[in-house]
Every structure is written in C-alpha cells, then in structure tokens.
Amino acid sequence: MRHAIIIAVILWTIQDLPAWERLQRDGVLRADGRRVPPYYRDAYRWMSEQMRLRLPPNSSRFPLWGWYRWQGVSRCRPDLRCAGHLERRVPGVRIEVDLPDSTVLLSDFGAWHCVLNRSFLPLNDSEDDALAAELETEGVDHRWPYPEPFRSRVVFSWQHIFDMDAGDTDCWGPSSGRSLQATFWELTLSQVRRFDAFTAR
C-alpha cells in the first residue's frame, strides 16, 4: 500500500484575503477551526487525529487545506476561473507553496466525502453491497451513528483515503484522474513560492 505522506512538494492553498493578510503580517498561518460548519467538525477532528498519528508533533488543533492535484495529474493547480474555491464574490488568494514532505498528509478528495458524510467507504461495489445487506439483515438504519460493530467498520474504512491506489477503477476511477487534497498544520511566509489574487465566482 502506497501511503500519502511521501511526495508532497509543491502545493496550492486557497485562502481568503484576511488569511493572506494575516500570513503576511505574522509570517505564519494556522487554522483555528472557527469557520468549520458544525456538521463537519467531527470529520475535521478525525483528520486532525490522523495527522497527529502520521506527522511530526504540532500544537495546532485544526489543519490547513490545499491541493496536490486539483483535478488529476493533468490539472494539479486549481483553476481560478472555476467556481467553488470560496463563497461567491469573496476576494481570495491562490498560494503556491513548497512544504517539506514530512509535514503534509495527502488524501483522496472524492473519498474524503465519505468521512464528511459519515458513510462507509468501500473499495468496490460488492463490498458496499455486502455491508448494506448486513445492515438490512440486522435491521440497522443507514444513519449515523451506526451501532457496533458497524460503526467501527465504517470508521476503519475511512483509512482508504490515504492509500493512493485504493479501490477498483469501476468504483473509484483511475488513479491518474483522482483529486488529491493536502492537509498541513501551518504555513510560513518563507514557504510561499507565488500568489495570485482573485475574486471567487
């Protein structure tokens, strides 16, 4: 299994203007988690726990986010002409950064949505069908939180987001087309290679 903390060198992070100004003023940017929607807080805490297990110690509570591959290997850098980077009409900055490999954790962006939505992450369709059948047999609703042992199985399945070769192509698509997100604890001004200001569409 090829894990995800091995090749992150050049990344792009999208930040709003106040965050960029804070980075310029203080020389370092860290996340405080204040803007994480309540529904997603458990997922963000889970990602933070995974980072503590895999990365050097850090006192930050929530990660910063960026892109290693925005839309597969052919479009690594986020396209600022596309919508969805920030809320519409919000001024932002795309920051190209160079971070040490050991400080970054990569994960599959599409698969991350199973963590966000507290759902099972299967490696293939048959695995998904098998769990659905077990839940039906046991009379368990497809709603979080699942009773044990199903809850633990769902949470364990989320580990697949860190395996860049996980899942069959019918279920996950080809590896080269997958979007890879990056999480890291902090960004210093000296790590910035370039920046591009924009207004979100």
N, C-alpha and C. Protein backbone atom coordinates (compact mmCIF):
# COMPACT_ATOMS: atom_id res chain seq x y z
N MET A 1 0.85 -1.18 0.00
CA MET A 1 0.00 0.00 0.00
C MET A 1 0.89 1.24 0.00
N ARG A 2 0.68 2.14 -0.92
CA ARG A 2 1.47 3.36 -1.03
C ARG A 2 0.79 4.46 -0.24
N HIS A 3 1.40 4.87 0.86
CA HIS A 3 0.78 5.87 1.73
C HIS A 3 1.04 7.28 1.20
N ALA A 4 0.36 8.24 1.83
CA ALA A 4 0.21 9.54 1.21
C ALA A 4 1.10 10.65 1.72
N ILE A 5 2.12 10.36 2.53
CA ILE A 5 2.95 11.46 3.03
C ILE A 5 4.32 11.49 2.36
N ILE A 6 4.39 10.97 1.11
CA ILE A 6 5.71 10.75 0.53
C ILE A 6 6.12 11.75 -0.54
N ILE A 7 5.19 12.39 -1.23
CA ILE A 7 5.60 13.13 -2.41
C ILE A 7 5.10 14.57 -2.48
N ALA A 8 4.55 15.10 -1.41
CA ALA A 8 4.03 16.46 -1.45
C ALA A 8 5.19 17.45 -1.41
N VAL A 9 5.41 18.15 -2.50
CA VAL A 9 6.46 19.17 -2.55
C VAL A 9 5.83 20.52 -2.86
N ILE A 10 5.23 20.62 -4.05
CA ILE A 10 4.55 21.85 -4.44
C ILE A 10 3.04 21.66 -4.25
N LEU A 11 2.44 22.58 -3.51
CA LEU A 11 1.00 22.54 -3.23
C LEU A 11 0.40 23.91 -3.49
N TRP A 12 -0.93 23.93 -3.58
CA TRP A 12 -1.66 25.20 -3.71
C TRP A 12 -2.73 25.24 -2.64
N THR A 13 -2.79 26.33 -1.93
CA THR A 13 -3.85 26.52 -0.95
C THR A 13 -4.64 27.78 -1.32
N ILE A 14 -5.94 27.68 -1.21
CA ILE A 14 -6.83 28.82 -1.48
C ILE A 14 -7.21 29.44 -0.13
N GLN A 15 -6.91 30.71 0.04
CA GLN A 15 -7.23 31.40 1.28
C GLN A 15 -7.97 32.70 0.98
N ASP A 16 -8.83 33.10 1.91
CA ASP A 16 -9.48 34.40 1.72
C ASP A 16 -8.47 35.51 2.03
N LEU A 17 -8.84 36.72 1.69
CA LEU A 17 -7.92 37.85 1.81
C LEU A 17 -7.46 38.08 3.26
N PRO A 18 -8.36 38.02 4.26
CA PRO A 18 -7.88 38.21 5.65
C PRO A 18 -6.81 37.19 6.06
N ALA A 19 -6.95 35.94 5.61
CA ALA A 19 -5.94 34.92 5.95
C ALA A 19 -4.61 35.25 5.30
N TRP A 20 -4.65 35.68 4.04
CA TRP A 20 -3.42 36.07 3.34
C TRP A 20 -2.76 37.26 4.03
N GLU A 21 -3.55 38.22 4.45
CA GLU A 21 -3.01 39.38 5.14
C GLU A 21 -2.41 38.98 6.50
N ARG A 22 -3.04 38.02 7.17
CA ARG A 22 -2.52 37.52 8.44
C ARG A 22 -1.17 36.82 8.24
N LEU A 23 -1.06 36.04 7.16
CA LEU A 23 0.19 35.38 6.85
C LEU A 23 1.30 36.40 6.59
N GLN A 24 0.97 37.45 5.84
CA GLN A 24 1.96 38.49 5.55
C GLN A 24 2.36 39.24 6.82
N ARG A 25 1.39 39.50 7.69
CA ARG A 25 1.66 40.27 8.91
C ARG A 25 2.44 39.46 9.95
N ASP A 26 2.00 38.21 10.17
CA ASP A 26 2.57 37.40 11.25
C ASP A 26 3.69 36.48 10.79
N GLY A 27 3.78 36.24 9.49
CA GLY A 27 4.81 35.34 8.99
C GLY A 27 4.44 33.88 9.07
N VAL A 28 3.28 33.57 9.65
CA VAL A 28 2.82 32.19 9.77
C VAL A 28 1.29 32.17 9.75
N LEU A 29 0.73 31.12 9.19
CA LEU A 29 -0.72 30.96 9.14
C LEU A 29 -1.08 29.60 9.72
N ARG A 30 -2.02 29.61 10.66
CA ARG A 30 -2.55 28.38 11.25
C ARG A 30 -4.07 28.47 11.26
N ALA A 31 -4.71 27.32 11.25
CA ALA A 31 -6.18 27.28 11.29
C ALA A 31 -6.65 27.22 12.74
N ASP A 32 -7.78 27.88 12.99
CA ASP A 32 -8.35 27.83 14.34
C ASP A 32 -9.66 27.05 14.38
N GLY A 33 -10.19 26.65 13.23
CA GLY A 33 -11.41 25.84 13.20
C GLY A 33 -12.70 26.60 13.36
N ARG A 34 -12.62 27.93 13.51
CA ARG A 34 -13.84 28.70 13.78
C ARG A 34 -14.83 28.69 12.62
N ARG A 35 -14.34 28.50 11.41
CA ARG A 35 -15.23 28.54 10.25
C ARG A 35 -15.68 27.16 9.78
N VAL A 36 -15.32 26.12 10.53
CA VAL A 36 -15.76 24.77 10.18
C VAL A 36 -17.24 24.62 10.52
N PRO A 37 -18.10 24.29 9.56
CA PRO A 37 -19.52 24.10 9.86
C PRO A 37 -19.70 23.02 10.92
N PRO A 38 -20.65 23.20 11.83
CA PRO A 38 -20.83 22.23 12.93
C PRO A 38 -20.97 20.79 12.46
N TYR A 39 -21.67 20.56 11.35
CA TYR A 39 -21.87 19.19 10.87
C TYR A 39 -20.56 18.52 10.50
N TYR A 40 -19.57 19.31 10.08
CA TYR A 40 -18.30 18.74 9.62
C TYR A 40 -17.22 18.70 10.70
N ARG A 41 -17.52 19.18 11.90
CA ARG A 41 -16.47 19.27 12.92
C ARG A 41 -15.91 17.91 13.29
N ASP A 42 -16.76 16.88 13.37
CA ASP A 42 -16.25 15.55 13.70
C ASP A 42 -15.29 15.04 12.64
N ALA A 43 -15.59 15.31 11.36
CA ALA A 43 -14.70 14.89 10.28
C ALA A 43 -13.37 15.62 10.35
N TYR A 44 -13.41 16.91 10.65
CA TYR A 44 -12.17 17.67 10.75
C TYR A 44 -11.35 17.21 11.95
N ARG A 45 -12.01 16.88 13.05
CA ARG A 45 -11.29 16.34 14.20
C ARG A 45 -10.65 14.99 13.86
N TRP A 46 -11.39 14.16 13.12
CA TRP A 46 -10.85 12.87 12.71
C TRP A 46 -9.60 13.08 11.85
N MET A 47 -9.65 14.01 10.90
CA MET A 47 -8.47 14.28 10.07
C MET A 47 -7.32 14.78 10.93
N SER A 48 -7.61 15.62 11.90
CA SER A 48 -6.56 16.11 12.79
C SER A 48 -5.92 14.96 13.56
N GLU A 49 -6.73 14.01 14.00
CA GLU A 49 -6.18 12.85 14.71
C GLU A 49 -5.28 12.03 13.80
N GLN A 50 -5.69 11.86 12.55
CA GLN A 50 -4.86 11.11 11.59
C GLN A 50 -3.53 11.82 11.35
N MET A 51 -3.57 13.14 11.30
CA MET A 51 -2.33 13.89 11.11
C MET A 51 -1.41 13.73 12.32
N ARG A 52 -1.97 13.71 13.52
CA ARG A 52 -1.14 13.53 14.71
C ARG A 52 -0.47 12.16 14.72
N LEU A 53 -1.14 11.17 14.14
CA LEU A 53 -0.57 9.83 14.07
C LEU A 53 0.53 9.72 13.02
N ARG A 54 0.45 10.54 11.97
CA ARG A 54 1.32 10.36 10.80
C ARG A 54 2.38 11.45 10.61
N LEU A 55 2.20 12.59 11.24
CA LEU A 55 3.10 13.73 11.01
C LEU A 55 3.83 14.10 12.30
N PRO A 56 4.90 14.88 12.20
CA PRO A 56 5.60 15.32 13.42
C PRO A 56 4.66 16.09 14.35
N PRO A 57 4.95 16.10 15.65
CA PRO A 57 4.08 16.78 16.62
C PRO A 57 3.89 18.26 16.30
N ASN A 58 2.67 18.73 16.60
CA ASN A 58 2.34 20.14 16.40
C ASN A 58 1.21 20.48 17.35
N SER A 59 1.19 21.70 17.85
CA SER A 59 0.18 22.10 18.84
C SER A 59 -1.12 22.58 18.21
N SER A 60 -1.18 22.69 16.88
CA SER A 60 -2.39 23.16 16.22
C SER A 60 -3.53 22.15 16.40
N ARG A 61 -4.76 22.64 16.43
CA ARG A 61 -5.91 21.77 16.62
C ARG A 61 -6.59 21.39 15.31
N PHE A 62 -6.53 22.29 14.31
CA PHE A 62 -7.18 22.03 13.03
C PHE A 62 -6.17 22.27 11.91
N PRO A 63 -6.31 21.52 10.81
CA PRO A 63 -5.35 21.67 9.71
C PRO A 63 -5.69 22.79 8.74
N LEU A 64 -4.68 23.18 8.00
CA LEU A 64 -4.88 23.96 6.78
C LEU A 64 -5.06 22.98 5.64
N TRP A 65 -5.72 23.45 4.58
CA TRP A 65 -6.02 22.57 3.45
C TRP A 65 -5.45 23.14 2.16
N GLY A 66 -5.05 22.23 1.29
CA GLY A 66 -4.55 22.64 -0.01
C GLY A 66 -4.75 21.53 -1.02
N TRP A 67 -4.21 21.75 -2.19
CA TRP A 67 -4.31 20.78 -3.29
C TRP A 67 -2.93 20.32 -3.69
N TYR A 68 -2.79 19.02 -3.85
CA TYR A 68 -1.62 18.45 -4.52
C TYR A 68 -1.96 18.20 -5.99
N ARG A 69 -3.17 17.69 -6.22
CA ARG A 69 -3.70 17.53 -7.58
C ARG A 69 -5.16 17.96 -7.55
N TRP A 70 -5.46 19.09 -8.13
CA TRP A 70 -6.81 19.64 -8.09
C TRP A 70 -7.79 18.78 -8.89
N GLN A 71 -7.42 18.43 -10.11
CA GLN A 71 -8.26 17.56 -10.93
C GLN A 71 -7.38 16.55 -11.68
N GLY A 72 -6.79 15.64 -10.93
CA GLY A 72 -5.95 14.62 -11.52
C GLY A 72 -4.58 15.15 -11.92
N VAL A 73 -3.80 14.28 -12.55
CA VAL A 73 -2.41 14.64 -12.88
C VAL A 73 -2.32 15.72 -13.95
N SER A 74 -3.37 15.87 -14.75
CA SER A 74 -3.31 16.85 -15.84
C SER A 74 -3.64 18.27 -15.39
N ARG A 75 -4.27 18.44 -14.20
CA ARG A 75 -4.64 19.76 -13.72
C ARG A 75 -4.38 19.83 -12.21
N CYS A 76 -3.11 19.95 -11.88
CA CYS A 76 -2.74 19.98 -10.46
C CYS A 76 -3.09 21.30 -9.80
N ARG A 77 -2.81 22.40 -10.49
CA ARG A 77 -3.06 23.73 -9.92
C ARG A 77 -4.53 24.11 -10.07
N PRO A 78 -5.18 24.57 -9.00
CA PRO A 78 -6.58 24.98 -9.09
C PRO A 78 -6.79 26.09 -10.11
N ASP A 79 -7.83 25.95 -10.91
CA ASP A 79 -8.18 26.93 -11.94
C ASP A 79 -9.07 28.00 -11.30
N LEU A 80 -8.60 29.23 -11.26
CA LEU A 80 -9.33 30.31 -10.59
C LEU A 80 -10.55 30.77 -11.38
N ARG A 81 -10.68 30.32 -12.62
CA ARG A 81 -11.87 30.66 -13.41
C ARG A 81 -13.07 29.81 -13.01
N CYS A 82 -12.83 28.76 -12.23
CA CYS A 82 -13.92 27.85 -11.82
C CYS A 82 -14.53 28.33 -10.51
N ALA A 83 -15.78 27.97 -10.32
CA ALA A 83 -16.50 28.32 -9.08
C ALA A 83 -16.15 27.32 -7.98
N GLY A 84 -16.44 27.71 -6.75
CA GLY A 84 -16.36 26.78 -5.63
C GLY A 84 -15.13 26.90 -4.75
N HIS A 85 -14.19 27.75 -5.11
CA HIS A 85 -12.98 27.88 -4.27
C HIS A 85 -13.30 28.59 -2.96
N LEU A 86 -14.12 29.62 -3.03
CA LEU A 86 -14.59 30.37 -1.87
C LEU A 86 -16.04 30.75 -2.13
N GLU A 87 -16.67 31.37 -1.16
CA GLU A 87 -18.02 31.89 -1.40
C GLU A 87 -17.98 32.89 -2.54
N ARG A 88 -19.05 32.94 -3.31
CA ARG A 88 -19.09 33.82 -4.49
C ARG A 88 -18.81 35.28 -4.12
N ARG A 89 -17.98 35.92 -4.96
CA ARG A 89 -17.58 37.32 -4.85
C ARG A 89 -16.62 37.61 -3.68
N VAL A 90 -16.17 36.59 -2.99
CA VAL A 90 -15.22 36.80 -1.90
C VAL A 90 -13.80 36.92 -2.46
N PRO A 91 -13.07 37.98 -2.12
CA PRO A 91 -11.68 38.10 -2.57
C PRO A 91 -10.81 37.03 -1.93
N GLY A 92 -9.97 36.41 -2.75
CA GLY A 92 -9.12 35.36 -2.23
C GLY A 92 -7.76 35.36 -2.89
N VAL A 93 -6.92 34.42 -2.45
CA VAL A 93 -5.57 34.29 -2.98
C VAL A 93 -5.26 32.80 -3.17
N ARG A 94 -4.79 32.45 -4.35
CA ARG A 94 -4.25 31.11 -4.57
C ARG A 94 -2.75 31.19 -4.28
N ILE A 95 -2.31 30.43 -3.29
CA ILE A 95 -0.92 30.50 -2.84
C ILE A 95 -0.20 29.21 -3.22
N GLU A 96 0.86 29.34 -3.99
CA GLU A 96 1.69 28.18 -4.32
C GLU A 96 2.78 28.07 -3.27
N VAL A 97 2.87 26.89 -2.66
CA VAL A 97 3.80 26.72 -1.55
C VAL A 97 4.69 25.51 -1.77
N ASP A 98 5.82 25.53 -1.11
CA ASP A 98 6.77 24.43 -1.12
C ASP A 98 6.94 23.98 0.32
N LEU A 99 6.38 22.80 0.65
CA LEU A 99 6.41 22.31 2.03
C LEU A 99 7.25 21.03 2.13
N PRO A 100 7.90 20.81 3.26
CA PRO A 100 8.62 19.54 3.45
C PRO A 100 7.65 18.36 3.39
N ASP A 101 8.08 17.28 2.77
CA ASP A 101 7.23 16.09 2.63
C ASP A 101 6.65 15.64 3.97
N SER A 102 7.50 15.68 5.00
CA SER A 102 7.11 15.10 6.29
C SER A 102 6.03 15.88 7.01
N THR A 103 5.70 17.09 6.52
CA THR A 103 4.72 17.93 7.21
C THR A 103 3.36 17.93 6.52
N VAL A 104 3.21 17.11 5.48
CA VAL A 104 1.99 17.12 4.68
C VAL A 104 1.38 15.72 4.62
N LEU A 105 0.07 15.66 4.75
CA LEU A 105 -0.65 14.40 4.58
C LEU A 105 -1.58 14.54 3.38
N LEU A 106 -1.41 13.68 2.39
CA LEU A 106 -2.27 13.68 1.22
C LEU A 106 -3.41 12.70 1.41
N SER A 107 -4.55 13.01 0.80
CA SER A 107 -5.69 12.10 0.84
C SER A 107 -6.55 12.32 -0.39
N ASP A 108 -7.35 11.31 -0.69
CA ASP A 108 -8.23 11.34 -1.86
C ASP A 108 -9.42 12.25 -1.56
N PHE A 109 -9.56 13.30 -2.36
CA PHE A 109 -10.62 14.29 -2.11
C PHE A 109 -12.01 13.69 -2.28
N GLY A 110 -12.22 12.89 -3.32
CA GLY A 110 -13.52 12.28 -3.53
C GLY A 110 -13.90 11.36 -2.38
N ALA A 111 -12.95 10.54 -1.95
CA ALA A 111 -13.21 9.60 -0.86
C ALA A 111 -13.41 10.32 0.47
N TRP A 112 -12.80 11.50 0.63
CA TRP A 112 -12.96 12.30 1.85
C TRP A 112 -14.43 12.60 2.13
N HIS A 113 -15.24 12.64 1.10
CA HIS A 113 -16.66 12.94 1.31
C HIS A 113 -17.38 11.85 2.12
N CYS A 114 -16.84 10.63 2.11
CA CYS A 114 -17.41 9.60 2.97
C CYS A 114 -17.15 9.92 4.44
N VAL A 115 -16.01 10.51 4.73
CA VAL A 115 -15.73 10.93 6.10
C VAL A 115 -16.64 12.11 6.46
N LEU A 116 -16.74 13.08 5.57
CA LEU A 116 -17.60 14.24 5.82
C LEU A 116 -19.04 13.82 6.07
N ASN A 117 -19.51 12.82 5.32
CA ASN A 117 -20.91 12.40 5.39
C ASN A 117 -21.12 11.19 6.28
N ARG A 118 -20.06 10.76 6.97
CA ARG A 118 -20.14 9.66 7.94
C ARG A 118 -20.70 8.40 7.30
N SER A 119 -20.16 8.06 6.17
CA SER A 119 -20.65 6.88 5.44
C SER A 119 -19.51 5.91 5.16
N PHE A 120 -19.87 4.69 4.85
CA PHE A 120 -18.92 3.63 4.56
C PHE A 120 -18.16 3.93 3.27
N LEU A 121 -16.86 3.65 3.29
CA LEU A 121 -16.02 3.86 2.11
C LEU A 121 -15.58 2.50 1.57
N PRO A 122 -16.30 1.97 0.59
CA PRO A 122 -15.96 0.65 0.06
C PRO A 122 -14.84 0.71 -0.97
N LEU A 123 -14.13 -0.39 -1.11
CA LEU A 123 -13.10 -0.49 -2.13
C LEU A 123 -13.70 -0.89 -3.48
N ASN A 124 -14.88 -1.48 -3.44
CA ASN A 124 -15.56 -1.90 -4.67
C ASN A 124 -17.06 -2.00 -4.39
N ASP A 125 -17.82 -2.19 -5.43
CA ASP A 125 -19.29 -2.22 -5.30
C ASP A 125 -19.75 -3.42 -4.48
N SER A 126 -19.07 -4.55 -4.62
CA SER A 126 -19.51 -5.75 -3.89
C SER A 126 -19.33 -5.57 -2.39
N GLU A 127 -18.27 -4.87 -1.98
CA GLU A 127 -18.06 -4.59 -0.56
C GLU A 127 -19.16 -3.69 -0.03
N ASP A 128 -19.57 -2.71 -0.82
CA ASP A 128 -20.65 -1.82 -0.45
C ASP A 128 -21.97 -2.58 -0.32
N ASP A 129 -22.24 -3.44 -1.29
CA ASP A 129 -23.47 -4.24 -1.28
C ASP A 129 -23.50 -5.18 -0.07
N ALA A 130 -22.34 -5.75 0.28
CA ALA A 130 -22.28 -6.69 1.39
C ALA A 130 -22.63 -6.01 2.71
N LEU A 131 -22.09 -4.80 2.93
CA LEU A 131 -22.40 -4.10 4.17
C LEU A 131 -23.86 -3.69 4.20
N ALA A 132 -24.40 -3.23 3.08
CA ALA A 132 -25.81 -2.85 3.01
C ALA A 132 -26.70 -4.03 3.35
N ALA A 133 -26.34 -5.22 2.86
CA ALA A 133 -27.13 -6.41 3.15
C ALA A 133 -27.06 -6.76 4.63
N GLU A 134 -25.89 -6.63 5.24
CA GLU A 134 -25.75 -6.91 6.67
C GLU A 134 -26.58 -5.94 7.50
N LEU A 135 -26.54 -4.67 7.14
CA LEU A 135 -27.33 -3.68 7.86
C LEU A 135 -28.81 -3.99 7.77
N GLU A 136 -29.24 -4.40 6.58
CA GLU A 136 -30.66 -4.74 6.40
C GLU A 136 -31.04 -5.97 7.21
N THR A 137 -30.18 -6.97 7.21
CA THR A 137 -30.43 -8.19 7.97
C THR A 137 -30.55 -7.91 9.46
N GLU A 138 -29.71 -7.00 9.95
CA GLU A 138 -29.71 -6.65 11.37
C GLU A 138 -30.74 -5.58 11.73
N GLY A 139 -31.44 -5.07 10.72
CA GLY A 139 -32.44 -4.04 10.96
C GLY A 139 -31.86 -2.70 11.35
N VAL A 140 -30.66 -2.40 10.85
CA VAL A 140 -29.98 -1.15 11.19
C VAL A 140 -30.27 -0.11 10.11
N ASP A 141 -30.70 1.08 10.54
CA ASP A 141 -30.93 2.18 9.60
C ASP A 141 -29.60 2.67 9.03
N HIS A 142 -29.65 3.16 7.82
CA HIS A 142 -28.46 3.73 7.18
C HIS A 142 -28.27 5.18 7.65
N ARG A 143 -28.14 5.33 8.97
CA ARG A 143 -27.97 6.66 9.55
C ARG A 143 -26.90 6.62 10.63
N TRP A 144 -26.18 7.71 10.72
CA TRP A 144 -25.13 7.82 11.73
C TRP A 144 -25.71 8.27 13.06
N PRO A 145 -25.24 7.74 14.19
CA PRO A 145 -24.18 6.75 14.29
C PRO A 145 -24.72 5.32 14.20
N TYR A 146 -23.98 4.46 13.52
CA TYR A 146 -24.33 3.06 13.47
C TYR A 146 -24.03 2.39 14.81
N PRO A 147 -24.75 1.35 15.18
CA PRO A 147 -24.36 0.60 16.37
C PRO A 147 -23.12 -0.24 16.07
N GLU A 148 -22.44 -0.65 17.11
CA GLU A 148 -21.30 -1.55 16.92
C GLU A 148 -21.80 -2.94 16.52
N PRO A 149 -21.03 -3.67 15.71
CA PRO A 149 -19.67 -3.36 15.25
C PRO A 149 -19.64 -2.54 13.96
N PHE A 150 -20.81 -2.09 13.49
CA PHE A 150 -20.86 -1.40 12.20
C PHE A 150 -20.17 -0.04 12.24
N ARG A 151 -20.31 0.66 13.36
CA ARG A 151 -19.68 1.97 13.44
C ARG A 151 -18.17 1.86 13.27
N SER A 152 -17.55 0.90 13.96
CA SER A 152 -16.10 0.72 13.85
C SER A 152 -15.68 0.34 12.44
N ARG A 153 -16.50 -0.47 11.78
CA ARG A 153 -16.17 -0.86 10.41
C ARG A 153 -16.23 0.34 9.47
N VAL A 154 -17.20 1.20 9.67
CA VAL A 154 -17.32 2.40 8.84
C VAL A 154 -16.12 3.31 9.07
N VAL A 155 -15.79 3.57 10.33
CA VAL A 155 -14.67 4.45 10.65
C VAL A 155 -13.36 3.87 10.13
N PHE A 156 -13.18 2.57 10.26
CA PHE A 156 -11.96 1.93 9.75
C PHE A 156 -11.85 2.09 8.24
N SER A 157 -12.98 2.02 7.55
CA SER A 157 -12.95 2.13 6.08
C SER A 157 -12.41 3.48 5.62
N TRP A 158 -12.48 4.49 6.46
CA TRP A 158 -12.00 5.82 6.07
C TRP A 158 -10.49 5.85 5.88
N GLN A 159 -9.78 4.87 6.42
CA GLN A 159 -8.33 4.83 6.23
C GLN A 159 -7.95 4.74 4.75
N HIS A 160 -8.87 4.26 3.93
CA HIS A 160 -8.58 4.11 2.50
C HIS A 160 -8.29 5.44 1.81
N ILE A 161 -8.72 6.56 2.40
CA ILE A 161 -8.47 7.84 1.73
C ILE A 161 -6.99 8.17 1.63
N PHE A 162 -6.17 7.52 2.46
CA PHE A 162 -4.74 7.80 2.47
C PHE A 162 -3.94 6.87 1.55
N ASP A 163 -4.61 5.92 0.93
CA ASP A 163 -3.95 4.99 0.03
C ASP A 163 -4.23 5.43 -1.40
N MET A 164 -3.19 5.88 -2.09
CA MET A 164 -3.37 6.44 -3.42
C MET A 164 -3.75 5.41 -4.48
N ASP A 165 -3.66 4.12 -4.12
CA ASP A 165 -4.03 3.06 -5.05
C ASP A 165 -5.30 2.33 -4.62
N ALA A 166 -6.00 2.85 -3.63
CA ALA A 166 -7.17 2.15 -3.09
C ALA A 166 -8.30 2.10 -4.11
N GLY A 167 -9.10 1.06 -3.97
CA GLY A 167 -10.34 0.96 -4.75
C GLY A 167 -10.13 0.53 -6.18
N ASP A 168 -11.10 -0.22 -6.71
CA ASP A 168 -11.01 -0.58 -8.12
C ASP A 168 -11.46 0.60 -8.98
N THR A 169 -11.06 0.59 -10.23
CA THR A 169 -11.33 1.75 -11.09
C THR A 169 -12.80 1.92 -11.40
N ASP A 170 -13.58 0.84 -11.36
CA ASP A 170 -15.02 0.98 -11.58
C ASP A 170 -15.67 1.80 -10.47
N CYS A 171 -15.18 1.62 -9.27
CA CYS A 171 -15.76 2.29 -8.10
C CYS A 171 -15.11 3.66 -7.85
N TRP A 172 -13.78 3.74 -8.03
CA TRP A 172 -13.04 4.94 -7.65
C TRP A 172 -12.54 5.74 -8.84
N GLY A 173 -12.54 5.15 -10.02
CA GLY A 173 -11.96 5.81 -11.17
C GLY A 173 -10.46 5.57 -11.21
N PRO A 174 -9.80 5.91 -12.33
CA PRO A 174 -8.35 5.70 -12.45
C PRO A 174 -7.56 6.59 -11.50
N SER A 175 -6.46 6.09 -11.01
CA SER A 175 -5.63 6.85 -10.07
C SER A 175 -5.21 8.20 -10.64
N SER A 176 -4.90 8.23 -11.93
CA SER A 176 -4.40 9.46 -12.54
C SER A 176 -5.45 10.57 -12.58
N GLY A 177 -6.72 10.22 -12.47
CA GLY A 177 -7.78 11.21 -12.53
C GLY A 177 -8.27 11.69 -11.18
N ARG A 178 -7.73 11.13 -10.12
CA ARG A 178 -8.23 11.46 -8.78
C ARG A 178 -7.67 12.79 -8.29
N SER A 179 -8.51 13.52 -7.57
CA SER A 179 -8.08 14.76 -6.94
C SER A 179 -7.49 14.45 -5.57
N LEU A 180 -6.32 14.98 -5.31
CA LEU A 180 -5.65 14.74 -4.04
C LEU A 180 -5.54 16.04 -3.26
N GLN A 181 -6.12 16.02 -2.07
CA GLN A 181 -6.03 17.18 -1.19
C GLN A 181 -4.84 17.00 -0.25
N ALA A 182 -4.41 18.11 0.32
CA ALA A 182 -3.28 18.10 1.24
C ALA A 182 -3.69 18.81 2.53
N THR A 183 -3.33 18.22 3.65
CA THR A 183 -3.54 18.88 4.94
C THR A 183 -2.19 19.05 5.62
N PHE A 184 -2.04 20.20 6.30
CA PHE A 184 -0.79 20.52 6.98
C PHE A 184 -1.13 21.48 8.11
N TRP A 185 -0.26 21.53 9.11
CA TRP A 185 -0.58 22.28 10.31
C TRP A 185 -0.36 23.78 10.18
N GLU A 186 0.63 24.18 9.41
CA GLU A 186 0.92 25.60 9.33
C GLU A 186 1.65 25.94 8.04
N LEU A 187 1.61 27.21 7.70
CA LEU A 187 2.28 27.72 6.52
C LEU A 187 3.06 28.96 6.93
N THR A 188 4.32 29.02 6.56
CA THR A 188 5.13 30.21 6.83
C THR A 188 5.32 31.00 5.55
N LEU A 189 5.54 32.28 5.71
CA LEU A 189 5.70 33.15 4.55
C LEU A 189 6.89 32.73 3.69
N SER A 190 7.92 32.19 4.30
CA SER A 190 9.09 31.76 3.54
C SER A 190 8.81 30.57 2.64
N GLN A 191 7.70 29.86 2.89
CA GLN A 191 7.35 28.70 2.08
C GLN A 191 6.51 29.07 0.85
N VAL A 192 6.15 30.34 0.73
CA VAL A 192 5.33 30.80 -0.40
C VAL A 192 6.23 30.99 -1.63
N ARG A 193 5.84 30.35 -2.73
CA ARG A 193 6.59 30.49 -3.99
C ARG A 193 5.99 31.59 -4.87
N ARG A 194 4.66 31.67 -4.85
CA ARG A 194 3.98 32.69 -5.64
C ARG A 194 2.54 32.78 -5.18
N PHE A 195 1.87 33.87 -5.53
CA PHE A 195 0.45 34.00 -5.13
C PHE A 195 -0.29 34.73 -6.25
N ASP A 196 -1.58 34.42 -6.35
CA ASP A 196 -2.44 35.04 -7.36
C ASP A 196 -3.74 35.45 -6.69
N ALA A 197 -4.01 36.75 -6.69
CA ALA A 197 -5.26 37.25 -6.13
C ALA A 197 -6.40 37.03 -7.11
N PHE A 198 -7.61 36.80 -6.60
CA PHE A 198 -8.78 36.59 -7.45
C PHE A 198 -10.03 36.89 -6.65
N THR A 199 -11.13 36.98 -7.34
CA THR A 199 -12.44 37.10 -6.70
C THR A 199 -13.23 35.86 -7.07
N ALA A 200 -13.73 35.15 -6.07
CA ALA A 200 -14.38 33.87 -6.28
C ALA A 200 -15.63 34.00 -7.13
N ARG A 201 -15.83 33.03 -8.01
CA ARG A 201 -17.01 33.04 -8.89
C ARG A 201 -18.13 32.21 -8.31
